[in-house]
PDB file of N, CA and C in Angstrom:
ATOM      1  N   MET A   1     -12.368 -25.250  -7.011  1.00  0.00           N
ATOM      2  CA  MET A   1     -12.143 -24.779  -5.657  1.00  0.00           C
ATOM      3  C   MET A   1     -13.278 -23.832  -5.289  1.00  0.00           C
ATOM      4  N   ILE A   2     -13.723 -23.910  -4.039  1.00  0.00           N
ATOM      5  CA  ILE A   2     -14.751 -22.980  -3.576  1.00  0.00           C
ATOM      6  C   ILE A   2     -14.286 -22.306  -2.292  1.00  0.00           C
ATOM      7  N   ARG A   3     -14.912 -21.183  -2.000  1.00  0.00           N
ATOM      8  CA  ARG A   3     -14.735 -20.482  -0.718  1.00  0.00           C
ATOM      9  C   ARG A   3     -16.092 -20.386  -0.062  1.00  0.00           C
ATOM     10  N   VAL A   4     -16.111 -20.604   1.238  1.00  0.00           N
ATOM     11  CA  VAL A   4     -17.337 -20.486   2.007  1.00  0.00           C
ATOM     12  C   VAL A   4     -17.111 -19.404   3.052  1.00  0.00           C
ATOM     13  N   ILE A   5     -17.971 -18.387   3.033  1.00  0.00           N
ATOM     14  CA  ILE A   5     -17.839 -17.257   3.957  1.00  0.00           C
ATOM     15  C   ILE A   5     -18.926 -17.363   5.020  1.00  0.00           C
ATOM     16  N   TYR A   6     -18.479 -17.541   6.251  1.00  0.00           N
ATOM     17  CA  TYR A   6     -19.377 -17.594   7.400  1.00  0.00           C
ATOM     18  C   TYR A   6     -19.295 -16.245   8.110  1.00  0.00           C
ATOM     19  N   THR A   7     -20.432 -15.652   8.410  1.00  0.00           N
ATOM     20  CA  THR A   7     -20.467 -14.424   9.205  1.00  0.00           C
ATOM     21  C   THR A   7     -20.977 -14.786  10.591  1.00  0.00           C
ATOM     22  N   TRP A   8     -20.235 -14.341  11.601  1.00  0.00           N
ATOM     23  CA  TRP A   8     -20.553 -14.620  12.999  1.00  0.00           C
ATOM     24  C   TRP A   8     -20.706 -13.312  13.768  1.00  0.00           C
ATOM     25  N   HIS A   9     -21.557 -13.310  14.785  1.00  0.00           N
ATOM     26  CA  HIS A   9     -21.596 -12.239  15.771  1.00  0.00           C
ATOM     27  C   HIS A   9     -21.133 -12.848  17.082  1.00  0.00           C
ATOM     28  N   VAL A  10     -20.059 -12.277  17.610  1.00  0.00           N
ATOM     29  CA  VAL A  10     -19.440 -12.808  18.829  1.00  0.00           C
ATOM     30  C   VAL A  10     -19.332 -11.672  19.834  1.00  0.00           C
ATOM     31  N   GLU A  11     -19.869 -11.891  21.016  1.00  0.00           N
ATOM     32  CA  GLU A  11     -19.782 -10.886  22.078  1.00  0.00           C
ATOM     33  C   GLU A  11     -18.324 -10.753  22.527  1.00  0.00           C
ATOM     34  N   PRO A  12     -17.898  -9.526  22.881  1.00  0.00           N
ATOM     35  CA  PRO A  12     -16.489  -9.288  23.238  1.00  0.00           C
ATOM     36  C   PRO A  12     -15.946 -10.230  24.315  1.00  0.00           C
ATOM     37  N   GLU A  13     -16.767 -10.581  25.279  1.00  0.00           N
ATOM     38  CA  GLU A  13     -16.293 -11.453  26.361  1.00  0.00           C
ATOM     39  C   GLU A  13     -16.055 -12.888  25.884  1.00  0.00           C
ATOM     40  N   ASN A  14     -16.589 -13.250  24.718  1.00  0.00           N
ATOM     41  CA  ASN A  14     -16.393 -14.596  24.165  1.00  0.00           C
ATOM     42  C   ASN A  14     -15.349 -14.645  23.059  1.00  0.00           C
ATOM     43  N   LEU A  15     -14.845 -13.475  22.640  1.00  0.00           N
ATOM     44  CA  LEU A  15     -14.001 -13.425  21.449  1.00  0.00           C
ATOM     45  C   LEU A  15     -12.717 -14.243  21.582  1.00  0.00           C
ATOM     46  N   LYS A  16     -11.999 -14.093  22.662  1.00  0.00           N
ATOM     47  CA  LYS A  16     -10.727 -14.811  22.816  1.00  0.00           C
ATOM     48  C   LYS A  16     -10.938 -16.328  22.747  1.00  0.00           C
ATOM     49  N   LEU A  17     -11.935 -16.831  23.449  1.00  0.00           N
ATOM     50  CA  LEU A  17     -12.206 -18.272  23.442  1.00  0.00           C
ATOM     51  C   LEU A  17     -12.743 -18.709  22.072  1.00  0.00           C
ATOM     52  N   PHE A  18     -13.536 -17.853  21.420  1.00  0.00           N
ATOM     53  CA  PHE A  18     -14.032 -18.161  20.082  1.00  0.00           C
ATOM     54  C   PHE A  18     -12.860 -18.330  19.117  1.00  0.00           C
ATOM     55  N   ILE A  19     -11.889 -17.432  19.174  1.00  0.00           N
ATOM     56  CA  ILE A  19     -10.720 -17.512  18.290  1.00  0.00           C
ATOM     57  C   ILE A  19      -9.942 -18.794  18.545  1.00  0.00           C
ATOM     58  N   GLU A  20      -9.694 -19.104  19.794  1.00  0.00           N
ATOM     59  CA  GLU A  20      -8.951 -20.325  20.127  1.00  0.00           C
ATOM     60  C   GLU A  20      -9.716 -21.578  19.682  1.00  0.00           C
ATOM     61  N   THR A  21     -11.018 -21.570  19.890  1.00  0.00           N
ATOM     62  CA  THR A  21     -11.849 -22.700  19.477  1.00  0.00           C
ATOM     63  C   THR A  21     -11.826 -22.844  17.963  1.00  0.00           C
ATOM     64  N   TRP A  22     -11.926 -21.719  17.253  1.00  0.00           N
ATOM     65  CA  TRP A  22     -11.889 -21.744  15.792  1.00  0.00           C
ATOM     66  C   TRP A  22     -10.559 -22.325  15.299  1.00  0.00           C
ATOM     67  N   LYS A  23      -9.454 -21.928  15.909  1.00  0.00           N
ATOM     68  CA  LYS A  23      -8.138 -22.443  15.490  1.00  0.00           C
ATOM     69  C   LYS A  23      -8.102 -23.965  15.575  1.00  0.00           C
ATOM     70  N   VAL A  24      -8.514 -24.503  16.699  1.00  0.00           N
ATOM     71  CA  VAL A  24      -8.510 -25.956  16.888  1.00  0.00           C
ATOM     72  C   VAL A  24      -9.478 -26.610  15.906  1.00  0.00           C
ATOM     73  N   THR A  25     -10.673 -26.037  15.778  1.00  0.00           N
ATOM     74  CA  THR A  25     -11.710 -26.607  14.915  1.00  0.00           C
ATOM     75  C   THR A  25     -11.285 -26.617  13.461  1.00  0.00           C
ATOM     76  N   THR A  26     -10.813 -25.481  12.958  1.00  0.00           N
ATOM     77  CA  THR A  26     -10.470 -25.409  11.529  1.00  0.00           C
ATOM     78  C   THR A  26      -9.290 -26.311  11.201  1.00  0.00           C
ATOM     79  N   ASN A  27      -8.329 -26.420  12.105  1.00  0.00           N
ATOM     80  CA  ASN A  27      -7.196 -27.311  11.858  1.00  0.00           C
ATOM     81  C   ASN A  27      -7.615 -28.776  11.878  1.00  0.00           C
ATOM     82  N   LYS A  28      -8.501 -29.136  12.808  1.00  0.00           N
ATOM     83  CA  LYS A  28      -8.978 -30.521  12.870  1.00  0.00           C
ATOM     84  C   LYS A  28      -9.774 -30.872  11.615  1.00  0.00           C
ATOM     85  N   ILE A  29     -10.637 -29.963  11.166  1.00  0.00           N
ATOM     86  CA  ILE A  29     -11.413 -30.208   9.939  1.00  0.00           C
ATOM     87  C   ILE A  29     -10.469 -30.367   8.758  1.00  0.00           C
ATOM     88  N   HIS A  30      -9.486 -29.470   8.661  1.00  0.00           N
ATOM     89  CA  HIS A  30      -8.522 -29.519   7.552  1.00  0.00           C
ATOM     90  C   HIS A  30      -7.775 -30.848   7.527  1.00  0.00           C
ATOM     91  N   GLU A  31      -7.437 -31.362   8.697  1.00  0.00           N
ATOM     92  CA  GLU A  31      -6.659 -32.602   8.790  1.00  0.00           C
ATOM     93  C   GLU A  31      -7.495 -33.864   8.602  1.00  0.00           C
ATOM     94  N   THR A  32      -8.810 -33.792   8.856  1.00  0.00           N
ATOM     95  CA  THR A  32      -9.598 -35.023   8.905  1.00  0.00           C
ATOM     96  C   THR A  32     -10.760 -35.113   7.919  1.00  0.00           C
ATOM     97  N   VAL A  33     -11.119 -34.022   7.255  1.00  0.00           N
ATOM     98  CA  VAL A  33     -12.300 -34.033   6.389  1.00  0.00           C
ATOM     99  C   VAL A  33     -11.871 -33.925   4.925  1.00  0.00           C
ATOM    100  N   LEU A  34     -12.329 -34.852   4.121  1.00  0.00           N
ATOM    101  CA  LEU A  34     -12.021 -34.882   2.695  1.00  0.00           C
ATOM    102  C   LEU A  34     -12.414 -33.564   2.027  1.00  0.00           C
ATOM    103  N   GLY A  35     -11.466 -32.959   1.319  1.00  0.00           N
ATOM    104  CA  GLY A  35     -11.728 -31.752   0.551  1.00  0.00           C
ATOM    105  C   GLY A  35     -11.528 -30.452   1.301  1.00  0.00           C
ATOM    106  N   ALA A  36     -11.390 -30.497   2.618  1.00  0.00           N
ATOM    107  CA  ALA A  36     -11.184 -29.276   3.405  1.00  0.00           C
ATOM    108  C   ALA A  36      -9.768 -28.760   3.192  1.00  0.00           C
ATOM    109  N   ARG A  37      -9.630 -27.482   2.907  1.00  0.00           N
ATOM    110  CA  ARG A  37      -8.331 -26.891   2.596  1.00  0.00           C
ATOM    111  C   ARG A  37      -7.920 -25.783   3.562  1.00  0.00           C
ATOM    112  N   GLY A  38      -8.604 -25.685   4.706  1.00  0.00           N
ATOM    113  CA  GLY A  38      -8.248 -24.683   5.700  1.00  0.00           C
ATOM    114  C   GLY A  38      -9.082 -23.428   5.564  1.00  0.00           C
ATOM    115  N   SER A  39      -8.837 -22.478   6.458  1.00  0.00           N
ATOM    116  CA  SER A  39      -9.605 -21.235   6.445  1.00  0.00           C
ATOM    117  C   SER A  39      -8.838 -20.132   7.145  1.00  0.00           C
ATOM    118  N   PHE A  40      -9.376 -18.919   7.034  1.00  0.00           N
ATOM    119  CA  PHE A  40      -8.811 -17.786   7.767  1.00  0.00           C
ATOM    120  C   PHE A  40      -9.945 -16.983   8.379  1.00  0.00           C
ATOM    121  N   MET A  41      -9.587 -16.103   9.332  1.00  0.00           N
ATOM    122  CA  MET A  41     -10.567 -15.344  10.103  1.00  0.00           C
ATOM    123  C   MET A  41     -10.298 -13.854   9.979  1.00  0.00           C
ATOM    124  N   LEU A  42     -11.376 -13.079   9.888  1.00  0.00           N
ATOM    125  CA  LEU A  42     -11.301 -11.618   9.808  1.00  0.00           C
ATOM    126  C   LEU A  42     -12.215 -11.002  10.863  1.00  0.00           C
ATOM    127  N   LYS A  43     -11.804  -9.851  11.408  1.00  0.00           N
ATOM    128  CA  LYS A  43     -12.663  -9.100  12.331  1.00  0.00           C
ATOM    129  C   LYS A  43     -12.945  -7.741  11.715  1.00  0.00           C
ATOM    130  N   ASN A  44     -14.201  -7.335  11.711  1.00  0.00           N
ATOM    131  CA  ASN A  44     -14.625  -6.063  11.155  1.00  0.00           C
ATOM    132  C   ASN A  44     -14.052  -4.907  11.985  1.00  0.00           C
ATOM    133  N   PHE A  45     -13.460  -3.914  11.311  1.00  0.00           N
ATOM    134  CA  PHE A  45     -12.911  -2.746  12.018  1.00  0.00           C
ATOM    135  C   PHE A  45     -13.998  -1.912  12.678  1.00  0.00           C
ATOM    136  N   GLU A  46     -15.145  -1.778  12.030  1.00  0.00           N
ATOM    137  CA  GLU A  46     -16.219  -0.914  12.523  1.00  0.00           C
ATOM    138  C   GLU A  46     -17.118  -1.607  13.543  1.00  0.00           C
ATOM    139  N   ASN A  47     -17.361  -2.890  13.348  1.00  0.00           N
ATOM    140  CA  ASN A  47     -18.238  -3.653  14.226  1.00  0.00           C
ATOM    141  C   ASN A  47     -17.428  -4.816  14.793  1.00  0.00           C
ATOM    142  N   HIS A  48     -16.881  -4.626  15.970  1.00  0.00           N
ATOM    143  CA  HIS A  48     -15.973  -5.613  16.551  1.00  0.00           C
ATOM    144  C   HIS A  48     -16.652  -6.929  16.915  1.00  0.00           C
ATOM    145  N   LYS A  49     -17.974  -6.966  16.876  1.00  0.00           N
ATOM    146  CA  LYS A  49     -18.689  -8.221  17.130  1.00  0.00           C
ATOM    147  C   LYS A  49     -18.796  -9.068  15.868  1.00  0.00           C
ATOM    148  N   GLU A  50     -18.519  -8.479  14.710  1.00  0.00           N
ATOM    149  CA  GLU A  50     -18.659  -9.214  13.456  1.00  0.00           C
ATOM    150  C   GLU A  50     -17.347  -9.881  13.062  1.00  0.00           C
ATOM    151  N   ILE A  51     -17.423 -11.193  12.925  1.00  0.00           N
ATOM    152  CA  ILE A  51     -16.274 -12.016  12.536  1.00  0.00           C
ATOM    153  C   ILE A  51     -16.636 -12.751  11.259  1.00  0.00           C
ATOM    154  N   LYS A  52     -15.692 -12.833  10.333  1.00  0.00           N
ATOM    155  CA  LYS A  52     -15.862 -13.646   9.128  1.00  0.00           C
ATOM    156  C   LYS A  52     -14.832 -14.768   9.192  1.00  0.00           C
ATOM    157  N   THR A  53     -15.278 -15.982   8.913  1.00  0.00           N
ATOM    158  CA  THR A  53     -14.350 -17.088   8.719  1.00  0.00           C
ATOM    159  C   THR A  53     -14.547 -17.547   7.282  1.00  0.00           C
ATOM    160  N   ILE A  54     -13.455 -17.661   6.570  1.00  0.00           N
ATOM    161  CA  ILE A  54     -13.512 -17.957   5.143  1.00  0.00           C
ATOM    162  C   ILE A  54     -12.747 -19.248   4.888  1.00  0.00           C
ATOM    163  N   ALA A  55     -13.513 -20.269   4.535  1.00  0.00           N
ATOM    164  CA  ALA A  55     -12.951 -21.613   4.342  1.00  0.00           C
ATOM    165  C   ALA A  55     -12.756 -21.901   2.861  1.00  0.00           C
ATOM    166  N   ARG A  56     -11.754 -22.691   2.582  1.00  0.00           N
ATOM    167  CA  ARG A  56     -11.502 -23.143   1.211  1.00  0.00           C
ATOM    168  C   ARG A  56     -11.763 -24.638   1.154  1.00  0.00           C
ATOM    169  N   TRP A  57     -12.518 -25.049   0.135  1.00  0.00           N
ATOM    170  CA  TRP A  57     -12.842 -26.454  -0.074  1.00  0.00           C
ATOM    171  C   TRP A  57     -12.493 -26.836  -1.493  1.00  0.00           C
ATOM    172  N   LYS A  58     -12.110 -28.092  -1.677  1.00  0.00           N
ATOM    173  CA  LYS A  58     -11.758 -28.569  -3.010  1.00  0.00           C
ATOM    174  C   LYS A  58     -12.961 -28.517  -3.951  1.00  0.00           C
ATOM    175  N   THR A  59     -14.115 -29.007  -3.486  1.00  0.00           N
ATOM    176  CA  THR A  59     -15.315 -29.001  -4.324  1.00  0.00           C
ATOM    177  C   THR A  59     -16.549 -28.685  -3.481  1.00  0.00           C
ATOM    178  N   MET A  60     -17.605 -28.266  -4.166  1.00  0.00           N
ATOM    179  CA  MET A  60     -18.887 -28.046  -3.494  1.00  0.00           C
ATOM    180  C   MET A  60     -19.406 -29.368  -2.925  1.00  0.00           C
ATOM    181  N   LYS A  61     -19.169 -30.463  -3.642  1.00  0.00           N
ATOM    182  CA  LYS A  61     -19.593 -31.790  -3.170  1.00  0.00           C
ATOM    183  C   LYS A  61     -18.949 -32.130  -1.826  1.00  0.00           C
ATOM    184  N   ASP A  62     -17.652 -31.830  -1.673  1.00  0.00           N
ATOM    185  CA  ASP A  62     -16.956 -32.096  -0.403  1.00  0.00           C
ATOM    186  C   ASP A  62     -17.574 -31.282   0.725  1.00  0.00           C
ATOM    187  N   TRP A  63     -17.812 -29.996   0.457  1.00  0.00           N
ATOM    188  CA  TRP A  63     -18.387 -29.127   1.493  1.00  0.00           C
ATOM    189  C   TRP A  63     -19.786 -29.589   1.875  1.00  0.00           C
ATOM    190  N   ARG A  64     -20.592 -29.937   0.880  1.00  0.00           N
ATOM    191  CA  ARG A  64     -21.954 -30.413   1.167  1.00  0.00           C
ATOM    192  C   ARG A  64     -21.937 -31.722   1.950  1.00  0.00           C
ATOM    193  N   ALA A  65     -20.982 -32.582   1.673  1.00  0.00           N
ATOM    194  CA  ALA A  65     -20.867 -33.835   2.431  1.00  0.00           C
ATOM    195  C   ALA A  65     -20.564 -33.529   3.900  1.00  0.00           C
ATOM    196  N   PHE A  66     -19.701 -32.552   4.145  1.00  0.00           N
ATOM    197  CA  PHE A  66     -19.386 -32.136   5.516  1.00  0.00           C
ATOM    198  C   PHE A  66     -20.626 -31.591   6.201  1.00  0.00           C
ATOM    199  N   TRP A  67     -21.423 -30.824   5.465  1.00  0.00           N
ATOM    200  CA  TRP A  67     -22.636 -30.215   6.018  1.00  0.00           C
ATOM    201  C   TRP A  67     -23.853 -31.115   5.857  1.00  0.00           C
ATOM    202  N   GLY A  68     -23.662 -32.431   5.785  1.00  0.00           N
ATOM    203  CA  GLY A  68     -24.774 -33.359   5.680  1.00  0.00           C
ATOM    204  C   GLY A  68     -25.763 -33.205   6.819  1.00  0.00           C
ATOM    205  N   VAL A  69     -25.268 -32.730   7.955  1.00  0.00           N
ATOM    206  CA  VAL A  69     -26.139 -32.379   9.075  1.00  0.00           C
ATOM    207  C   VAL A  69     -26.073 -30.867   9.220  1.00  0.00           C
ATOM    208  N   LYS A  70     -27.095 -30.301   9.803  1.00  0.00           N
ATOM    209  CA  LYS A  70     -27.188 -28.831   9.855  1.00  0.00           C
ATOM    210  C   LYS A  70     -25.984 -28.196  10.539  1.00  0.00           C
ATOM    211  N   ASN A  71     -25.597 -28.704  11.683  1.00  0.00           N
ATOM    212  CA  ASN A  71     -24.446 -28.165  12.409  1.00  0.00           C
ATOM    213  C   ASN A  71     -23.492 -29.311  12.706  1.00  0.00           C
ATOM    214  N   PRO A  72     -22.434 -29.440  11.916  1.00  0.00           N
ATOM    215  CA  PRO A  72     -21.484 -30.528  12.162  1.00  0.00           C
ATOM    216  C   PRO A  72     -20.950 -30.488  13.590  1.00  0.00           C
ATOM    217  N   GLU A  73     -20.758 -31.657  14.137  1.00  0.00           N
ATOM    218  CA  GLU A  73     -20.279 -31.789  15.513  1.00  0.00           C
ATOM    219  C   GLU A  73     -19.007 -30.981  15.761  1.00  0.00           C
ATOM    220  N   GLN A  74     -18.114 -30.944  14.764  1.00  0.00           N
ATOM    221  CA  GLN A  74     -16.844 -30.243  14.930  1.00  0.00           C
ATOM    222  C   GLN A  74     -17.037 -28.754  15.243  1.00  0.00           C
ATOM    223  N   MET A  75     -18.151 -28.187  14.811  1.00  0.00           N
ATOM    224  CA  MET A  75     -18.366 -26.744  14.981  1.00  0.00           C
ATOM    225  C   MET A  75     -19.294 -26.403  16.146  1.00  0.00           C
ATOM    226  N   GLN A  76     -19.716 -27.384  16.915  1.00  0.00           N
ATOM    227  CA  GLN A  76     -20.704 -27.169  17.962  1.00  0.00           C
ATOM    228  C   GLN A  76     -20.268 -26.116  18.987  1.00  0.00           C
ATOM    229  N   PHE A  77     -19.040 -26.189  19.482  1.00  0.00           N
ATOM    230  CA  PHE A  77     -18.610 -25.249  20.514  1.00  0.00           C
ATOM    231  C   PHE A  77     -18.538 -23.823  19.973  1.00  0.00           C
ATOM    232  N   MET A  78     -18.201 -23.649  18.699  1.00  0.00           N
ATOM    233  CA  MET A  78     -18.201 -22.312  18.102  1.00  0.00           C
ATOM    234  C   MET A  78     -19.611 -21.719  18.161  1.00  0.00           C
ATOM    235  N   HIS A  79     -20.622 -22.552  17.930  1.00  0.00           N
ATOM    236  CA  HIS A  79     -22.012 -22.093  17.972  1.00  0.00           C
ATOM    237  C   HIS A  79     -22.441 -21.708  19.387  1.00  0.00           C
ATOM    238  N   GLU A  80     -21.789 -22.265  20.367  1.00  0.00           N
ATOM    239  CA  GLU A  80     -22.091 -21.891  21.751  1.00  0.00           C
ATOM    240  C   GLU A  80     -21.464 -20.551  22.118  1.00  0.00           C
ATOM    241  N   LEU A  81     -20.396 -20.175  21.434  1.00  0.00           N
ATOM    242  CA  LEU A  81     -19.683 -18.925  21.735  1.00  0.00           C
ATOM    243  C   LEU A  81     -20.102 -17.750  20.861  1.00  0.00           C
ATOM    244  N   GLY A  82     -20.666 -18.031  19.700  1.00  0.00           N
ATOM    245  CA  GLY A  82     -21.068 -16.973  18.776  1.00  0.00           C
ATOM    246  C   GLY A  82     -22.288 -17.396  17.992  1.00  0.00           C
ATOM    247  N   LYS A  83     -22.930 -16.427  17.372  1.00  0.00           N
ATOM    248  CA  LYS A  83     -24.108 -16.707  16.554  1.00  0.00           C
ATOM    249  C   LYS A  83     -23.716 -16.635  15.087  1.00  0.00           C
ATOM    250  N   ARG A  84     -23.905 -17.733  14.365  1.00  0.00           N
ATOM    251  CA  ARG A  84     -23.634 -17.712  12.930  1.00  0.00           C
ATOM    252  C   ARG A  84     -24.797 -17.003  12.251  1.00  0.00           C
ATOM    253  N   VAL A  85     -24.486 -15.916  11.547  1.00  0.00           N
ATOM    254  CA  VAL A  85     -25.503 -15.074  10.932  1.00  0.00           C
ATOM    255  C   VAL A  85     -25.785 -15.499   9.493  1.00  0.00           C
ATOM    256  N   SER A  86     -24.740 -15.897   8.767  1.00  0.00           N
ATOM    257  CA  SER A  86     -24.940 -16.281   7.369  1.00  0.00           C
ATOM    258  C   SER A  86     -23.828 -17.195   6.891  1.00  0.00           C
ATOM    259  N   VAL A  87     -24.134 -17.901   5.793  1.00  0.00           N
ATOM    260  CA  VAL A  87     -23.169 -18.753   5.101  1.00  0.00           C
ATOM    261  C   VAL A  87     -23.351 -18.486   3.615  1.00  0.00           C
ATOM    262  N   GLU A  88     -22.260 -18.129   2.933  1.00  0.00           N
ATOM    263  CA  GLU A  88     -22.303 -17.868   1.502  1.00  0.00           C
ATOM    264  C   GLU A  88     -21.230 -18.710   0.823  1.00  0.00           C
ATOM    265  N   THR A  89     -21.551 -19.274  -0.330  1.00  0.00           N
ATOM    266  CA  THR A  89     -20.585 -20.091  -1.065  1.00  0.00           C
ATOM    267  C   THR A  89     -20.254 -19.436  -2.400  1.00  0.00           C
ATOM    268  N   TYR A  90     -18.974 -19.509  -2.769  1.00  0.00           N
ATOM    269  CA  TYR A  90     -18.488 -18.902  -4.001  1.00  0.00           C
ATOM    270  C   TYR A  90     -17.540 -19.858  -4.700  1.00  0.00           C
ATOM    271  N   GLU A  91     -17.628 -19.907  -5.998  1.00  0.00           N
ATOM    272  CA  GLU A  91     -16.659 -20.645  -6.808  1.00  0.00           C
ATOM    273  C   GLU A  91     -15.455 -19.730  -7.041  1.00  0.00           C
ATOM    274  N   VAL A  92     -14.273 -20.272  -6.846  1.00  0.00           N
ATOM    275  CA  VAL A  92     -13.055 -19.507  -7.106  1.00  0.00           C
ATOM    276  C   VAL A  92     -12.808 -19.509  -8.612  1.00  0.00           C
ATOM    277  N   ILE A  93     -12.787 -18.322  -9.190  1.00  0.00           N
ATOM    278  CA  ILE A  93     -12.535 -18.195 -10.623  1.00  0.00           C
ATOM    279  C   ILE A  93     -11.032 -18.071 -10.873  1.00  0.00           C
ATOM    280  N   ASP A  94     -10.388 -17.288 -10.043  1.00  0.00           N
ATOM    281  CA  ASP A  94      -8.943 -17.098 -10.157  1.00  0.00           C
ATOM    282  C   ASP A  94      -8.435 -16.588  -8.823  1.00  0.00           C
ATOM    283  N   ASP A  95      -7.157 -16.766  -8.527  1.00  0.00           N
ATOM    284  CA  ASP A  95      -6.601 -16.351  -7.249  1.00  0.00           C
ATOM    285  C   ASP A  95      -5.138 -15.975  -7.442  1.00  0.00           C
ATOM    286  N   TYR A  96      -4.836 -14.707  -7.259  1.00  0.00           N
ATOM    287  CA  TYR A  96      -3.470 -14.231  -7.370  1.00  0.00           C
ATOM    288  C   TYR A  96      -2.852 -13.871  -6.014  1.00  0.00           C
ATOM    289  N   THR A  97      -3.477 -14.335  -4.921  1.00  0.00           N
ATOM    290  CA  THR A  97      -2.887 -14.086  -3.608  1.00  0.00           C
ATOM    291  C   THR A  97      -1.694 -15.000  -3.411  1.00  0.00           C
ATOM    292  N   GLN A  98      -0.811 -14.604  -2.516  1.00  0.00           N
ATOM    293  CA  GLN A  98       0.373 -15.419  -2.230  1.00  0.00           C
ATOM    294  C   GLN A  98       0.455 -15.774  -0.783  1.00  0.00           C
TER     295      GLN A  98
END
Protein backbone atom coordinates (compact mmCIF):
# COMPACT_ATOMS: atom_id res chain seq x y z
CA MET A 1 0.00 0.00 0.00
CA ILE A 2 1.23 3.51 -0.73
CA ARG A 3 0.17 7.04 0.19
CA VAL A 4 0.55 9.96 -2.16
CA ILE A 5 0.61 13.44 -0.63
CA TYR A 6 -0.33 16.30 -2.93
CA THR A 7 0.25 19.86 -1.70
CA TRP A 8 -1.97 22.53 -3.25
CA HIS A 9 -2.20 26.31 -2.95
CA VAL A 10 -5.81 27.41 -3.34
CA GLU A 11 -6.97 31.01 -3.19
CA PRO A 12 -9.78 31.59 -0.63
CA GLU A 13 -12.32 32.52 -3.31
CA ASN A 14 -11.74 29.12 -5.00
CA LEU A 15 -11.68 26.97 -1.87
CA LYS A 16 -15.35 25.96 -1.70
CA LEU A 17 -15.46 24.93 -5.37
CA PHE A 18 -12.05 23.22 -5.05
CA ILE A 19 -13.37 21.09 -2.16
CA GLU A 20 -16.52 20.14 -4.05
CA THR A 21 -14.52 19.33 -7.18
CA TRP A 22 -12.07 17.23 -5.16
CA LYS A 23 -14.95 15.24 -3.61
CA VAL A 24 -16.38 14.34 -7.01
CA THR A 25 -12.92 13.69 -8.50
CA THR A 26 -11.58 11.48 -5.72
CA ASN A 27 -14.76 9.42 -5.57
CA LYS A 28 -14.81 8.93 -9.34
CA ILE A 29 -11.13 7.87 -9.35
CA HIS A 30 -11.77 5.49 -6.44
CA GLU A 31 -14.71 3.91 -8.27
CA THR A 32 -13.13 3.65 -11.73
CA VAL A 33 -9.33 3.38 -11.50
CA LEU A 34 -7.58 0.11 -10.70
CA GLY A 35 -5.75 0.28 -7.36
CA ALA A 36 -7.22 3.59 -6.18
CA ARG A 37 -8.32 3.36 -2.55
CA GLY A 38 -9.66 6.87 -1.91
CA SER A 39 -8.18 9.92 -0.23
CA PHE A 40 -8.70 12.61 2.38
CA MET A 41 -8.11 16.37 2.50
CA LEU A 42 -6.43 18.60 5.09
CA LYS A 43 -6.23 22.39 5.41
CA ASN A 44 -3.26 24.03 7.14
CA PHE A 45 -4.25 25.97 10.29
CA GLU A 46 -1.54 28.61 9.78
CA ASN A 47 -1.69 28.98 5.99
CA HIS A 48 -5.30 28.70 4.85
CA LYS A 49 -4.22 28.58 1.20
CA GLU A 50 -2.33 25.33 1.76
CA ILE A 51 -4.32 22.16 1.18
CA LYS A 52 -3.04 18.58 1.36
CA THR A 53 -4.83 15.72 -0.35
CA ILE A 54 -3.59 12.32 0.69
CA ALA A 55 -4.47 9.39 -1.54
CA ARG A 56 -4.13 5.70 -0.84
CA TRP A 57 -3.18 3.32 -3.65
CA LYS A 58 -2.82 -0.44 -3.66
CA THR A 59 0.58 -0.35 -5.40
CA MET A 60 3.07 2.12 -6.85
CA LYS A 61 2.47 0.42 -10.23
CA ASP A 62 -1.26 1.29 -10.05
CA TRP A 63 -0.53 4.92 -9.19
CA ARG A 64 2.07 5.23 -11.95
CA ALA A 65 -0.37 3.75 -14.47
CA PHE A 66 -2.90 6.44 -13.47
CA TRP A 67 -0.21 9.11 -13.89
CA GLY A 68 0.83 7.81 -17.32
CA VAL A 69 0.12 11.34 -18.49
CA LYS A 70 1.36 14.36 -16.59
CA ASN A 71 -2.07 15.60 -15.54
CA PRO A 72 -4.80 12.96 -15.71
CA GLU A 73 -8.02 14.22 -17.23
CA GLN A 74 -9.92 13.45 -14.02
CA MET A 75 -7.89 16.08 -12.14
CA GLN A 76 -7.97 18.85 -14.77
CA PHE A 77 -10.59 21.06 -13.09
CA MET A 78 -8.74 20.88 -9.75
CA HIS A 79 -5.68 22.30 -11.55
CA GLU A 80 -7.80 25.19 -12.78
CA LEU A 81 -8.88 26.03 -9.22
CA GLY A 82 -5.58 25.53 -7.39
CA LYS A 83 -1.87 25.18 -8.00
CA ARG A 84 -0.35 21.79 -7.24
CA VAL A 85 2.93 22.57 -5.48
CA SER A 86 4.29 19.07 -4.84
CA VAL A 87 3.64 15.34 -5.01
CA GLU A 88 5.32 12.93 -2.59
CA THR A 89 4.96 9.14 -2.48
CA TYR A 90 5.38 6.95 0.59
CA GLU A 91 5.19 3.23 1.21
CA VAL A 92 2.89 2.36 4.10
CA ILE A 93 4.90 0.39 6.64
CA ASP A 94 2.15 0.06 9.21
CA ASP A 95 -1.17 1.75 9.99
CA TYR A 96 -2.97 1.76 13.32
CA THR A 97 -5.60 4.36 12.41
CA GLN A 98 -9.25 3.39 12.61
